[in-house]
Amino acid sequence: ASFKIWNTATVGGNICMSLPAGPMI
């Protein structure tokens, strides 16, 4: 992802989205 996403997207959000490709998962 871009630096904009890196500075906005959260660890918890990635896990709670529960997409198979979620790298925080």
PDBML (XML) file of the C-alpha atoms, coordinates in Angstrom:
<?xml version="1.0" encoding="UTF-8" ?>
<PDBx:datablock datablockName="MODEL"
   xmlns:PDBx="http://pdbml.pdb.org/schema/pdbx-v50.xsd"
   xmlns:xsi="http://www.w3.org/2001/XMLSchema-instance"
   xsi:schemaLocation="http://pdbml.pdb.org/schema/pdbx-v50.xsd pdbx-v50.xsd">
   <PDBx:atom_siteCategory>
      <PDBx:atom_site id="1">
         <PDBx:B_iso_or_equiv>0.00</PDBx:B_iso_or_equiv>
         <PDBx:Cartn_x>0.000</PDBx:Cartn_x>
         <PDBx:Cartn_y>0.000</PDBx:Cartn_y>
         <PDBx:Cartn_z>0.000</PDBx:Cartn_z>
         <PDBx:auth_asym_id>A</PDBx:auth_asym_id>
         <PDBx:auth_atom_id>CA</PDBx:auth_atom_id>
         <PDBx:auth_comp_id>ALA</PDBx:auth_comp_id>
         <PDBx:auth_seq_id>1</PDBx:auth_seq_id>
         <PDBx:group_PDB>ATOM</PDBx:group_PDB>
         <PDBx:label_alt_id xsi:nil="true" />
         <PDBx:label_asym_id>A</PDBx:label_asym_id>
         <PDBx:label_atom_id>CA</PDBx:label_atom_id>
         <PDBx:label_comp_id>ALA</PDBx:label_comp_id>
         <PDBx:label_entity_id>1</PDBx:label_entity_id>
         <PDBx:label_seq_id>1</PDBx:label_seq_id>
         <PDBx:occupancy>1.00</PDBx:occupancy>
         <PDBx:pdbx_PDB_model_num>1</PDBx:pdbx_PDB_model_num>
         <PDBx:type_symbol>C</PDBx:type_symbol>
      </PDBx:atom_site>
      <PDBx:atom_site id="2">
         <PDBx:B_iso_or_equiv>0.00</PDBx:B_iso_or_equiv>
         <PDBx:Cartn_x>0.953</PDBx:Cartn_x>
         <PDBx:Cartn_y>3.657</PDBx:Cartn_y>
         <PDBx:Cartn_z>-0.328</PDBx:Cartn_z>
         <PDBx:auth_asym_id>A</PDBx:auth_asym_id>
         <PDBx:auth_atom_id>CA</PDBx:auth_atom_id>
         <PDBx:auth_comp_id>SER</PDBx:auth_comp_id>
         <PDBx:auth_seq_id>2</PDBx:auth_seq_id>
         <PDBx:group_PDB>ATOM</PDBx:group_PDB>
         <PDBx:label_alt_id xsi:nil="true" />
         <PDBx:label_asym_id>A</PDBx:label_asym_id>
         <PDBx:label_atom_id>CA</PDBx:label_atom_id>
         <PDBx:label_comp_id>SER</PDBx:label_comp_id>
         <PDBx:label_entity_id>1</PDBx:label_entity_id>
         <PDBx:label_seq_id>2</PDBx:label_seq_id>
         <PDBx:occupancy>1.00</PDBx:occupancy>
         <PDBx:pdbx_PDB_model_num>1</PDBx:pdbx_PDB_model_num>
         <PDBx:type_symbol>C</PDBx:type_symbol>
      </PDBx:atom_site>
      <PDBx:atom_site id="3">
         <PDBx:B_iso_or_equiv>0.00</PDBx:B_iso_or_equiv>
         <PDBx:Cartn_x>2.411</PDBx:Cartn_x>
         <PDBx:Cartn_y>5.662</PDBx:Cartn_y>
         <PDBx:Cartn_z>2.534</PDBx:Cartn_z>
         <PDBx:auth_asym_id>A</PDBx:auth_asym_id>
         <PDBx:auth_atom_id>CA</PDBx:auth_atom_id>
         <PDBx:auth_comp_id>PHE</PDBx:auth_comp_id>
         <PDBx:auth_seq_id>3</PDBx:auth_seq_id>
         <PDBx:group_PDB>ATOM</PDBx:group_PDB>
         <PDBx:label_alt_id xsi:nil="true" />
         <PDBx:label_asym_id>A</PDBx:label_asym_id>
         <PDBx:label_atom_id>CA</PDBx:label_atom_id>
         <PDBx:label_comp_id>PHE</PDBx:label_comp_id>
         <PDBx:label_entity_id>1</PDBx:label_entity_id>
         <PDBx:label_seq_id>3</PDBx:label_seq_id>
         <PDBx:occupancy>1.00</PDBx:occupancy>
         <PDBx:pdbx_PDB_model_num>1</PDBx:pdbx_PDB_model_num>
         <PDBx:type_symbol>C</PDBx:type_symbol>
      </PDBx:atom_site>
      <PDBx:atom_site id="4">
         <PDBx:B_iso_or_equiv>0.00</PDBx:B_iso_or_equiv>
         <PDBx:Cartn_x>-1.029</PDBx:Cartn_x>
         <PDBx:Cartn_y>7.253</PDBx:Cartn_y>
         <PDBx:Cartn_z>2.952</PDBx:Cartn_z>
         <PDBx:auth_asym_id>A</PDBx:auth_asym_id>
         <PDBx:auth_atom_id>CA</PDBx:auth_atom_id>
         <PDBx:auth_comp_id>LYS</PDBx:auth_comp_id>
         <PDBx:auth_seq_id>4</PDBx:auth_seq_id>
         <PDBx:group_PDB>ATOM</PDBx:group_PDB>
         <PDBx:label_alt_id xsi:nil="true" />
         <PDBx:label_asym_id>A</PDBx:label_asym_id>
         <PDBx:label_atom_id>CA</PDBx:label_atom_id>
         <PDBx:label_comp_id>LYS</PDBx:label_comp_id>
         <PDBx:label_entity_id>1</PDBx:label_entity_id>
         <PDBx:label_seq_id>4</PDBx:label_seq_id>
         <PDBx:occupancy>1.00</PDBx:occupancy>
         <PDBx:pdbx_PDB_model_num>1</PDBx:pdbx_PDB_model_num>
         <PDBx:type_symbol>C</PDBx:type_symbol>
      </PDBx:atom_site>
      <PDBx:atom_site id="5">
         <PDBx:B_iso_or_equiv>0.00</PDBx:B_iso_or_equiv>
         <PDBx:Cartn_x>-2.562</PDBx:Cartn_x>
         <PDBx:Cartn_y>3.866</PDBx:Cartn_y>
         <PDBx:Cartn_z>3.704</PDBx:Cartn_z>
         <PDBx:auth_asym_id>A</PDBx:auth_asym_id>
         <PDBx:auth_atom_id>CA</PDBx:auth_atom_id>
         <PDBx:auth_comp_id>ILE</PDBx:auth_comp_id>
         <PDBx:auth_seq_id>5</PDBx:auth_seq_id>
         <PDBx:group_PDB>ATOM</PDBx:group_PDB>
         <PDBx:label_alt_id xsi:nil="true" />
         <PDBx:label_asym_id>A</PDBx:label_asym_id>
         <PDBx:label_atom_id>CA</PDBx:label_atom_id>
         <PDBx:label_comp_id>ILE</PDBx:label_comp_id>
         <PDBx:label_entity_id>1</PDBx:label_entity_id>
         <PDBx:label_seq_id>5</PDBx:label_seq_id>
         <PDBx:occupancy>1.00</PDBx:occupancy>
         <PDBx:pdbx_PDB_model_num>1</PDBx:pdbx_PDB_model_num>
         <PDBx:type_symbol>C</PDBx:type_symbol>
      </PDBx:atom_site>
      <PDBx:atom_site id="6">
         <PDBx:B_iso_or_equiv>0.00</PDBx:B_iso_or_equiv>
         <PDBx:Cartn_x>0.359</PDBx:Cartn_x>
         <PDBx:Cartn_y>2.873</PDBx:Cartn_y>
         <PDBx:Cartn_z>5.950</PDBx:Cartn_z>
         <PDBx:auth_asym_id>A</PDBx:auth_asym_id>
         <PDBx:auth_atom_id>CA</PDBx:auth_atom_id>
         <PDBx:auth_comp_id>TRP</PDBx:auth_comp_id>
         <PDBx:auth_seq_id>6</PDBx:auth_seq_id>
         <PDBx:group_PDB>ATOM</PDBx:group_PDB>
         <PDBx:label_alt_id xsi:nil="true" />
         <PDBx:label_asym_id>A</PDBx:label_asym_id>
         <PDBx:label_atom_id>CA</PDBx:label_atom_id>
         <PDBx:label_comp_id>TRP</PDBx:label_comp_id>
         <PDBx:label_entity_id>1</PDBx:label_entity_id>
         <PDBx:label_seq_id>6</PDBx:label_seq_id>
         <PDBx:occupancy>1.00</PDBx:occupancy>
         <PDBx:pdbx_PDB_model_num>1</PDBx:pdbx_PDB_model_num>
         <PDBx:type_symbol>C</PDBx:type_symbol>
      </PDBx:atom_site>
      <PDBx:atom_site id="7">
         <PDBx:B_iso_or_equiv>0.00</PDBx:B_iso_or_equiv>
         <PDBx:Cartn_x>-0.172</PDBx:Cartn_x>
         <PDBx:Cartn_y>6.004</PDBx:Cartn_y>
         <PDBx:Cartn_z>8.046</PDBx:Cartn_z>
         <PDBx:auth_asym_id>A</PDBx:auth_asym_id>
         <PDBx:auth_atom_id>CA</PDBx:auth_atom_id>
         <PDBx:auth_comp_id>ASN</PDBx:auth_comp_id>
         <PDBx:auth_seq_id>7</PDBx:auth_seq_id>
         <PDBx:group_PDB>ATOM</PDBx:group_PDB>
         <PDBx:label_alt_id xsi:nil="true" />
         <PDBx:label_asym_id>A</PDBx:label_asym_id>
         <PDBx:label_atom_id>CA</PDBx:label_atom_id>
         <PDBx:label_comp_id>ASN</PDBx:label_comp_id>
         <PDBx:label_entity_id>1</PDBx:label_entity_id>
         <PDBx:label_seq_id>7</PDBx:label_seq_id>
         <PDBx:occupancy>1.00</PDBx:occupancy>
         <PDBx:pdbx_PDB_model_num>1</PDBx:pdbx_PDB_model_num>
         <PDBx:type_symbol>C</PDBx:type_symbol>
      </PDBx:atom_site>
      <PDBx:atom_site id="8">
         <PDBx:B_iso_or_equiv>0.00</PDBx:B_iso_or_equiv>
         <PDBx:Cartn_x>-3.931</PDBx:Cartn_x>
         <PDBx:Cartn_y>5.485</PDBx:Cartn_y>
         <PDBx:Cartn_z>8.321</PDBx:Cartn_z>
         <PDBx:auth_asym_id>A</PDBx:auth_asym_id>
         <PDBx:auth_atom_id>CA</PDBx:auth_atom_id>
         <PDBx:auth_comp_id>THR</PDBx:auth_comp_id>
         <PDBx:auth_seq_id>8</PDBx:auth_seq_id>
         <PDBx:group_PDB>ATOM</PDBx:group_PDB>
         <PDBx:label_alt_id xsi:nil="true" />
         <PDBx:label_asym_id>A</PDBx:label_asym_id>
         <PDBx:label_atom_id>CA</PDBx:label_atom_id>
         <PDBx:label_comp_id>THR</PDBx:label_comp_id>
         <PDBx:label_entity_id>1</PDBx:label_entity_id>
         <PDBx:label_seq_id>8</PDBx:label_seq_id>
         <PDBx:occupancy>1.00</PDBx:occupancy>
         <PDBx:pdbx_PDB_model_num>1</PDBx:pdbx_PDB_model_num>
         <PDBx:type_symbol>C</PDBx:type_symbol>
      </PDBx:atom_site>
      <PDBx:atom_site id="9">
         <PDBx:B_iso_or_equiv>0.00</PDBx:B_iso_or_equiv>
         <PDBx:Cartn_x>-4.724</PDBx:Cartn_x>
         <PDBx:Cartn_y>1.749</PDBx:Cartn_y>
         <PDBx:Cartn_z>8.237</PDBx:Cartn_z>
         <PDBx:auth_asym_id>A</PDBx:auth_asym_id>
         <PDBx:auth_atom_id>CA</PDBx:auth_atom_id>
         <PDBx:auth_comp_id>ALA</PDBx:auth_comp_id>
         <PDBx:auth_seq_id>9</PDBx:auth_seq_id>
         <PDBx:group_PDB>ATOM</PDBx:group_PDB>
         <PDBx:label_alt_id xsi:nil="true" />
         <PDBx:label_asym_id>A</PDBx:label_asym_id>
         <PDBx:label_atom_id>CA</PDBx:label_atom_id>
         <PDBx:label_comp_id>ALA</PDBx:label_comp_id>
         <PDBx:label_entity_id>1</PDBx:label_entity_id>
         <PDBx:label_seq_id>9</PDBx:label_seq_id>
         <PDBx:occupancy>1.00</PDBx:occupancy>
         <PDBx:pdbx_PDB_model_num>1</PDBx:pdbx_PDB_model_num>
         <PDBx:type_symbol>C</PDBx:type_symbol>
      </PDBx:atom_site>
      <PDBx:atom_site id="10">
         <PDBx:B_iso_or_equiv>0.00</PDBx:B_iso_or_equiv>
         <PDBx:Cartn_x>-4.673</PDBx:Cartn_x>
         <PDBx:Cartn_y>0.079</PDBx:Cartn_y>
         <PDBx:Cartn_z>11.642</PDBx:Cartn_z>
         <PDBx:auth_asym_id>A</PDBx:auth_asym_id>
         <PDBx:auth_atom_id>CA</PDBx:auth_atom_id>
         <PDBx:auth_comp_id>THR</PDBx:auth_comp_id>
         <PDBx:auth_seq_id>10</PDBx:auth_seq_id>
         <PDBx:group_PDB>ATOM</PDBx:group_PDB>
         <PDBx:label_alt_id xsi:nil="true" />
         <PDBx:label_asym_id>A</PDBx:label_asym_id>
         <PDBx:label_atom_id>CA</PDBx:label_atom_id>
         <PDBx:label_comp_id>THR</PDBx:label_comp_id>
         <PDBx:label_entity_id>1</PDBx:label_entity_id>
         <PDBx:label_seq_id>10</PDBx:label_seq_id>
         <PDBx:occupancy>1.00</PDBx:occupancy>
         <PDBx:pdbx_PDB_model_num>1</PDBx:pdbx_PDB_model_num>
         <PDBx:type_symbol>C</PDBx:type_symbol>
      </PDBx:atom_site>
      <PDBx:atom_site id="11">
         <PDBx:B_iso_or_equiv>0.00</PDBx:B_iso_or_equiv>
         <PDBx:Cartn_x>-3.635</PDBx:Cartn_x>
         <PDBx:Cartn_y>-3.310</PDBx:Cartn_y>
         <PDBx:Cartn_z>12.925</PDBx:Cartn_z>
         <PDBx:auth_asym_id>A</PDBx:auth_asym_id>
         <PDBx:auth_atom_id>CA</PDBx:auth_atom_id>
         <PDBx:auth_comp_id>VAL</PDBx:auth_comp_id>
         <PDBx:auth_seq_id>11</PDBx:auth_seq_id>
         <PDBx:group_PDB>ATOM</PDBx:group_PDB>
         <PDBx:label_alt_id xsi:nil="true" />
         <PDBx:label_asym_id>A</PDBx:label_asym_id>
         <PDBx:label_atom_id>CA</PDBx:label_atom_id>
         <PDBx:label_comp_id>VAL</PDBx:label_comp_id>
         <PDBx:label_entity_id>1</PDBx:label_entity_id>
         <PDBx:label_seq_id>11</PDBx:label_seq_id>
         <PDBx:occupancy>1.00</PDBx:occupancy>
         <PDBx:pdbx_PDB_model_num>1</PDBx:pdbx_PDB_model_num>
         <PDBx:type_symbol>C</PDBx:type_symbol>
      </PDBx:atom_site>
      <PDBx:atom_site id="12">
         <PDBx:B_iso_or_equiv>0.00</PDBx:B_iso_or_equiv>
         <PDBx:Cartn_x>-7.045</PDBx:Cartn_x>
         <PDBx:Cartn_y>-3.846</PDBx:Cartn_y>
         <PDBx:Cartn_z>14.507</PDBx:Cartn_z>
         <PDBx:auth_asym_id>A</PDBx:auth_asym_id>
         <PDBx:auth_atom_id>CA</PDBx:auth_atom_id>
         <PDBx:auth_comp_id>GLY</PDBx:auth_comp_id>
         <PDBx:auth_seq_id>12</PDBx:auth_seq_id>
         <PDBx:group_PDB>ATOM</PDBx:group_PDB>
         <PDBx:label_alt_id xsi:nil="true" />
         <PDBx:label_asym_id>A</PDBx:label_asym_id>
         <PDBx:label_atom_id>CA</PDBx:label_atom_id>
         <PDBx:label_comp_id>GLY</PDBx:label_comp_id>
         <PDBx:label_entity_id>1</PDBx:label_entity_id>
         <PDBx:label_seq_id>12</PDBx:label_seq_id>
         <PDBx:occupancy>1.00</PDBx:occupancy>
         <PDBx:pdbx_PDB_model_num>1</PDBx:pdbx_PDB_model_num>
         <PDBx:type_symbol>C</PDBx:type_symbol>
      </PDBx:atom_site>
      <PDBx:atom_site id="13">
         <PDBx:B_iso_or_equiv>0.00</PDBx:B_iso_or_equiv>
         <PDBx:Cartn_x>-8.906</PDBx:Cartn_x>
         <PDBx:Cartn_y>-2.762</PDBx:Cartn_y>
         <PDBx:Cartn_z>11.407</PDBx:Cartn_z>
         <PDBx:auth_asym_id>A</PDBx:auth_asym_id>
         <PDBx:auth_atom_id>CA</PDBx:auth_atom_id>
         <PDBx:auth_comp_id>GLY</PDBx:auth_comp_id>
         <PDBx:auth_seq_id>13</PDBx:auth_seq_id>
         <PDBx:group_PDB>ATOM</PDBx:group_PDB>
         <PDBx:label_alt_id xsi:nil="true" />
         <PDBx:label_asym_id>A</PDBx:label_asym_id>
         <PDBx:label_atom_id>CA</PDBx:label_atom_id>
         <PDBx:label_comp_id>GLY</PDBx:label_comp_id>
         <PDBx:label_entity_id>1</PDBx:label_entity_id>
         <PDBx:label_seq_id>13</PDBx:label_seq_id>
         <PDBx:occupancy>1.00</PDBx:occupancy>
         <PDBx:pdbx_PDB_model_num>1</PDBx:pdbx_PDB_model_num>
         <PDBx:type_symbol>C</PDBx:type_symbol>
      </PDBx:atom_site>
      <PDBx:atom_site id="14">
         <PDBx:B_iso_or_equiv>0.00</PDBx:B_iso_or_equiv>
         <PDBx:Cartn_x>-7.012</PDBx:Cartn_x>
         <PDBx:Cartn_y>-5.253</PDBx:Cartn_y>
         <PDBx:Cartn_z>9.269</PDBx:Cartn_z>
         <PDBx:auth_asym_id>A</PDBx:auth_asym_id>
         <PDBx:auth_atom_id>CA</PDBx:auth_atom_id>
         <PDBx:auth_comp_id>ASN</PDBx:auth_comp_id>
         <PDBx:auth_seq_id>14</PDBx:auth_seq_id>
         <PDBx:group_PDB>ATOM</PDBx:group_PDB>
         <PDBx:label_alt_id xsi:nil="true" />
         <PDBx:label_asym_id>A</PDBx:label_asym_id>
         <PDBx:label_atom_id>CA</PDBx:label_atom_id>
         <PDBx:label_comp_id>ASN</PDBx:label_comp_id>
         <PDBx:label_entity_id>1</PDBx:label_entity_id>
         <PDBx:label_seq_id>14</PDBx:label_seq_id>
         <PDBx:occupancy>1.00</PDBx:occupancy>
         <PDBx:pdbx_PDB_model_num>1</PDBx:pdbx_PDB_model_num>
         <PDBx:type_symbol>C</PDBx:type_symbol>
      </PDBx:atom_site>
      <PDBx:atom_site id="15">
         <PDBx:B_iso_or_equiv>0.00</PDBx:B_iso_or_equiv>
         <PDBx:Cartn_x>-7.758</PDBx:Cartn_x>
         <PDBx:Cartn_y>-8.070</PDBx:Cartn_y>
         <PDBx:Cartn_z>11.685</PDBx:Cartn_z>
         <PDBx:auth_asym_id>A</PDBx:auth_asym_id>
         <PDBx:auth_atom_id>CA</PDBx:auth_atom_id>
         <PDBx:auth_comp_id>ILE</PDBx:auth_comp_id>
         <PDBx:auth_seq_id>15</PDBx:auth_seq_id>
         <PDBx:group_PDB>ATOM</PDBx:group_PDB>
         <PDBx:label_alt_id xsi:nil="true" />
         <PDBx:label_asym_id>A</PDBx:label_asym_id>
         <PDBx:label_atom_id>CA</PDBx:label_atom_id>
         <PDBx:label_comp_id>ILE</PDBx:label_comp_id>
         <PDBx:label_entity_id>1</PDBx:label_entity_id>
         <PDBx:label_seq_id>15</PDBx:label_seq_id>
         <PDBx:occupancy>1.00</PDBx:occupancy>
         <PDBx:pdbx_PDB_model_num>1</PDBx:pdbx_PDB_model_num>
         <PDBx:type_symbol>C</PDBx:type_symbol>
      </PDBx:atom_site>
      <PDBx:atom_site id="16">
         <PDBx:B_iso_or_equiv>0.00</PDBx:B_iso_or_equiv>
         <PDBx:Cartn_x>-11.426</PDBx:Cartn_x>
         <PDBx:Cartn_y>-7.130</PDBx:Cartn_y>
         <PDBx:Cartn_z>12.097</PDBx:Cartn_z>
         <PDBx:auth_asym_id>A</PDBx:auth_asym_id>
         <PDBx:auth_atom_id>CA</PDBx:auth_atom_id>
         <PDBx:auth_comp_id>CYS</PDBx:auth_comp_id>
         <PDBx:auth_seq_id>16</PDBx:auth_seq_id>
         <PDBx:group_PDB>ATOM</PDBx:group_PDB>
         <PDBx:label_alt_id xsi:nil="true" />
         <PDBx:label_asym_id>A</PDBx:label_asym_id>
         <PDBx:label_atom_id>CA</PDBx:label_atom_id>
         <PDBx:label_comp_id>CYS</PDBx:label_comp_id>
         <PDBx:label_entity_id>1</PDBx:label_entity_id>
         <PDBx:label_seq_id>16</PDBx:label_seq_id>
         <PDBx:occupancy>1.00</PDBx:occupancy>
         <PDBx:pdbx_PDB_model_num>1</PDBx:pdbx_PDB_model_num>
         <PDBx:type_symbol>C</PDBx:type_symbol>
      </PDBx:atom_site>
      <PDBx:atom_site id="17">
         <PDBx:B_iso_or_equiv>0.00</PDBx:B_iso_or_equiv>
         <PDBx:Cartn_x>-11.952</PDBx:Cartn_x>
         <PDBx:Cartn_y>-6.931</PDBx:Cartn_y>
         <PDBx:Cartn_z>8.332</PDBx:Cartn_z>
         <PDBx:auth_asym_id>A</PDBx:auth_asym_id>
         <PDBx:auth_atom_id>CA</PDBx:auth_atom_id>
         <PDBx:auth_comp_id>MET</PDBx:auth_comp_id>
         <PDBx:auth_seq_id>17</PDBx:auth_seq_id>
         <PDBx:group_PDB>ATOM</PDBx:group_PDB>
         <PDBx:label_alt_id xsi:nil="true" />
         <PDBx:label_asym_id>A</PDBx:label_asym_id>
         <PDBx:label_atom_id>CA</PDBx:label_atom_id>
         <PDBx:label_comp_id>MET</PDBx:label_comp_id>
         <PDBx:label_entity_id>1</PDBx:label_entity_id>
         <PDBx:label_seq_id>17</PDBx:label_seq_id>
         <PDBx:occupancy>1.00</PDBx:occupancy>
         <PDBx:pdbx_PDB_model_num>1</PDBx:pdbx_PDB_model_num>
         <PDBx:type_symbol>C</PDBx:type_symbol>
      </PDBx:atom_site>
      <PDBx:atom_site id="18">
         <PDBx:B_iso_or_equiv>0.00</PDBx:B_iso_or_equiv>
         <PDBx:Cartn_x>-10.952</PDBx:Cartn_x>
         <PDBx:Cartn_y>-10.603</PDBx:Cartn_y>
         <PDBx:Cartn_z>8.385</PDBx:Cartn_z>
         <PDBx:auth_asym_id>A</PDBx:auth_asym_id>
         <PDBx:auth_atom_id>CA</PDBx:auth_atom_id>
         <PDBx:auth_comp_id>SER</PDBx:auth_comp_id>
         <PDBx:auth_seq_id>18</PDBx:auth_seq_id>
         <PDBx:group_PDB>ATOM</PDBx:group_PDB>
         <PDBx:label_alt_id xsi:nil="true" />
         <PDBx:label_asym_id>A</PDBx:label_asym_id>
         <PDBx:label_atom_id>CA</PDBx:label_atom_id>
         <PDBx:label_comp_id>SER</PDBx:label_comp_id>
         <PDBx:label_entity_id>1</PDBx:label_entity_id>
         <PDBx:label_seq_id>18</PDBx:label_seq_id>
         <PDBx:occupancy>1.00</PDBx:occupancy>
         <PDBx:pdbx_PDB_model_num>1</PDBx:pdbx_PDB_model_num>
         <PDBx:type_symbol>C</PDBx:type_symbol>
      </PDBx:atom_site>
      <PDBx:atom_site id="19">
         <PDBx:B_iso_or_equiv>0.00</PDBx:B_iso_or_equiv>
         <PDBx:Cartn_x>-9.950</PDBx:Cartn_x>
         <PDBx:Cartn_y>-10.799</PDBx:Cartn_y>
         <PDBx:Cartn_z>4.751</PDBx:Cartn_z>
         <PDBx:auth_asym_id>A</PDBx:auth_asym_id>
         <PDBx:auth_atom_id>CA</PDBx:auth_atom_id>
         <PDBx:auth_comp_id>LEU</PDBx:auth_comp_id>
         <PDBx:auth_seq_id>19</PDBx:auth_seq_id>
         <PDBx:group_PDB>ATOM</PDBx:group_PDB>
         <PDBx:label_alt_id xsi:nil="true" />
         <PDBx:label_asym_id>A</PDBx:label_asym_id>
         <PDBx:label_atom_id>CA</PDBx:label_atom_id>
         <PDBx:label_comp_id>LEU</PDBx:label_comp_id>
         <PDBx:label_entity_id>1</PDBx:label_entity_id>
         <PDBx:label_seq_id>19</PDBx:label_seq_id>
         <PDBx:occupancy>1.00</PDBx:occupancy>
         <PDBx:pdbx_PDB_model_num>1</PDBx:pdbx_PDB_model_num>
         <PDBx:type_symbol>C</PDBx:type_symbol>
      </PDBx:atom_site>
      <PDBx:atom_site id="20">
         <PDBx:B_iso_or_equiv>0.00</PDBx:B_iso_or_equiv>
         <PDBx:Cartn_x>-7.932</PDBx:Cartn_x>
         <PDBx:Cartn_y>-13.948</PDBx:Cartn_y>
         <PDBx:Cartn_z>3.947</PDBx:Cartn_z>
         <PDBx:auth_asym_id>A</PDBx:auth_asym_id>
         <PDBx:auth_atom_id>CA</PDBx:auth_atom_id>
         <PDBx:auth_comp_id>PRO</PDBx:auth_comp_id>
         <PDBx:auth_seq_id>20</PDBx:auth_seq_id>
         <PDBx:group_PDB>ATOM</PDBx:group_PDB>
         <PDBx:label_alt_id xsi:nil="true" />
         <PDBx:label_asym_id>A</PDBx:label_asym_id>
         <PDBx:label_atom_id>CA</PDBx:label_atom_id>
         <PDBx:label_comp_id>PRO</PDBx:label_comp_id>
         <PDBx:label_entity_id>1</PDBx:label_entity_id>
         <PDBx:label_seq_id>20</PDBx:label_seq_id>
         <PDBx:occupancy>1.00</PDBx:occupancy>
         <PDBx:pdbx_PDB_model_num>1</PDBx:pdbx_PDB_model_num>
         <PDBx:type_symbol>C</PDBx:type_symbol>
      </PDBx:atom_site>
      <PDBx:atom_site id="21">
         <PDBx:B_iso_or_equiv>0.00</PDBx:B_iso_or_equiv>
         <PDBx:Cartn_x>-5.066</PDBx:Cartn_x>
         <PDBx:Cartn_y>-11.748</PDBx:Cartn_y>
         <PDBx:Cartn_z>2.707</PDBx:Cartn_z>
         <PDBx:auth_asym_id>A</PDBx:auth_asym_id>
         <PDBx:auth_atom_id>CA</PDBx:auth_atom_id>
         <PDBx:auth_comp_id>ALA</PDBx:auth_comp_id>
         <PDBx:auth_seq_id>21</PDBx:auth_seq_id>
         <PDBx:group_PDB>ATOM</PDBx:group_PDB>
         <PDBx:label_alt_id xsi:nil="true" />
         <PDBx:label_asym_id>A</PDBx:label_asym_id>
         <PDBx:label_atom_id>CA</PDBx:label_atom_id>
         <PDBx:label_comp_id>ALA</PDBx:label_comp_id>
         <PDBx:label_entity_id>1</PDBx:label_entity_id>
         <PDBx:label_seq_id>21</PDBx:label_seq_id>
         <PDBx:occupancy>1.00</PDBx:occupancy>
         <PDBx:pdbx_PDB_model_num>1</PDBx:pdbx_PDB_model_num>
         <PDBx:type_symbol>C</PDBx:type_symbol>
      </PDBx:atom_site>
      <PDBx:atom_site id="22">
         <PDBx:B_iso_or_equiv>0.00</PDBx:B_iso_or_equiv>
         <PDBx:Cartn_x>-4.936</PDBx:Cartn_x>
         <PDBx:Cartn_y>-9.611</PDBx:Cartn_y>
         <PDBx:Cartn_z>5.862</PDBx:Cartn_z>
         <PDBx:auth_asym_id>A</PDBx:auth_asym_id>
         <PDBx:auth_atom_id>CA</PDBx:auth_atom_id>
         <PDBx:auth_comp_id>GLY</PDBx:auth_comp_id>
         <PDBx:auth_seq_id>22</PDBx:auth_seq_id>
         <PDBx:group_PDB>ATOM</PDBx:group_PDB>
         <PDBx:label_alt_id xsi:nil="true" />
         <PDBx:label_asym_id>A</PDBx:label_asym_id>
         <PDBx:label_atom_id>CA</PDBx:label_atom_id>
         <PDBx:label_comp_id>GLY</PDBx:label_comp_id>
         <PDBx:label_entity_id>1</PDBx:label_entity_id>
         <PDBx:label_seq_id>22</PDBx:label_seq_id>
         <PDBx:occupancy>1.00</PDBx:occupancy>
         <PDBx:pdbx_PDB_model_num>1</PDBx:pdbx_PDB_model_num>
         <PDBx:type_symbol>C</PDBx:type_symbol>
      </PDBx:atom_site>
      <PDBx:atom_site id="23">
         <PDBx:B_iso_or_equiv>0.00</PDBx:B_iso_or_equiv>
         <PDBx:Cartn_x>-1.208</PDBx:Cartn_x>
         <PDBx:Cartn_y>-9.573</PDBx:Cartn_y>
         <PDBx:Cartn_z>6.751</PDBx:Cartn_z>
         <PDBx:auth_asym_id>A</PDBx:auth_asym_id>
         <PDBx:auth_atom_id>CA</PDBx:auth_atom_id>
         <PDBx:auth_comp_id>PRO</PDBx:auth_comp_id>
         <PDBx:auth_seq_id>23</PDBx:auth_seq_id>
         <PDBx:group_PDB>ATOM</PDBx:group_PDB>
         <PDBx:label_alt_id xsi:nil="true" />
         <PDBx:label_asym_id>A</PDBx:label_asym_id>
         <PDBx:label_atom_id>CA</PDBx:label_atom_id>
         <PDBx:label_comp_id>PRO</PDBx:label_comp_id>
         <PDBx:label_entity_id>1</PDBx:label_entity_id>
         <PDBx:label_seq_id>23</PDBx:label_seq_id>
         <PDBx:occupancy>1.00</PDBx:occupancy>
         <PDBx:pdbx_PDB_model_num>1</PDBx:pdbx_PDB_model_num>
         <PDBx:type_symbol>C</PDBx:type_symbol>
      </PDBx:atom_site>
      <PDBx:atom_site id="24">
         <PDBx:B_iso_or_equiv>0.00</PDBx:B_iso_or_equiv>
         <PDBx:Cartn_x>-1.787</PDBx:Cartn_x>
         <PDBx:Cartn_y>-8.495</PDBx:Cartn_y>
         <PDBx:Cartn_z>10.357</PDBx:Cartn_z>
         <PDBx:auth_asym_id>A</PDBx:auth_asym_id>
         <PDBx:auth_atom_id>CA</PDBx:auth_atom_id>
         <PDBx:auth_comp_id>MET</PDBx:auth_comp_id>
         <PDBx:auth_seq_id>24</PDBx:auth_seq_id>
         <PDBx:group_PDB>ATOM</PDBx:group_PDB>
         <PDBx:label_alt_id xsi:nil="true" />
         <PDBx:label_asym_id>A</PDBx:label_asym_id>
         <PDBx:label_atom_id>CA</PDBx:label_atom_id>
         <PDBx:label_comp_id>MET</PDBx:label_comp_id>
         <PDBx:label_entity_id>1</PDBx:label_entity_id>
         <PDBx:label_seq_id>24</PDBx:label_seq_id>
         <PDBx:occupancy>1.00</PDBx:occupancy>
         <PDBx:pdbx_PDB_model_num>1</PDBx:pdbx_PDB_model_num>
         <PDBx:type_symbol>C</PDBx:type_symbol>
      </PDBx:atom_site>
      <PDBx:atom_site id="25">
         <PDBx:B_iso_or_equiv>0.00</PDBx:B_iso_or_equiv>
         <PDBx:Cartn_x>-3.834</PDBx:Cartn_x>
         <PDBx:Cartn_y>-11.673</PDBx:Cartn_y>
         <PDBx:Cartn_z>10.731</PDBx:Cartn_z>
         <PDBx:auth_asym_id>A</PDBx:auth_asym_id>
         <PDBx:auth_atom_id>CA</PDBx:auth_atom_id>
         <PDBx:auth_comp_id>ILE</PDBx:auth_comp_id>
         <PDBx:auth_seq_id>25</PDBx:auth_seq_id>
         <PDBx:group_PDB>ATOM</PDBx:group_PDB>
         <PDBx:label_alt_id xsi:nil="true" />
         <PDBx:label_asym_id>A</PDBx:label_asym_id>
         <PDBx:label_atom_id>CA</PDBx:label_atom_id>
         <PDBx:label_comp_id>ILE</PDBx:label_comp_id>
         <PDBx:label_entity_id>1</PDBx:label_entity_id>
         <PDBx:label_seq_id>25</PDBx:label_seq_id>
         <PDBx:occupancy>1.00</PDBx:occupancy>
         <PDBx:pdbx_PDB_model_num>1</PDBx:pdbx_PDB_model_num>
         <PDBx:type_symbol>C</PDBx:type_symbol>
      </PDBx:atom_site>
   </PDBx:atom_siteCategory>
</PDBx:datablock>
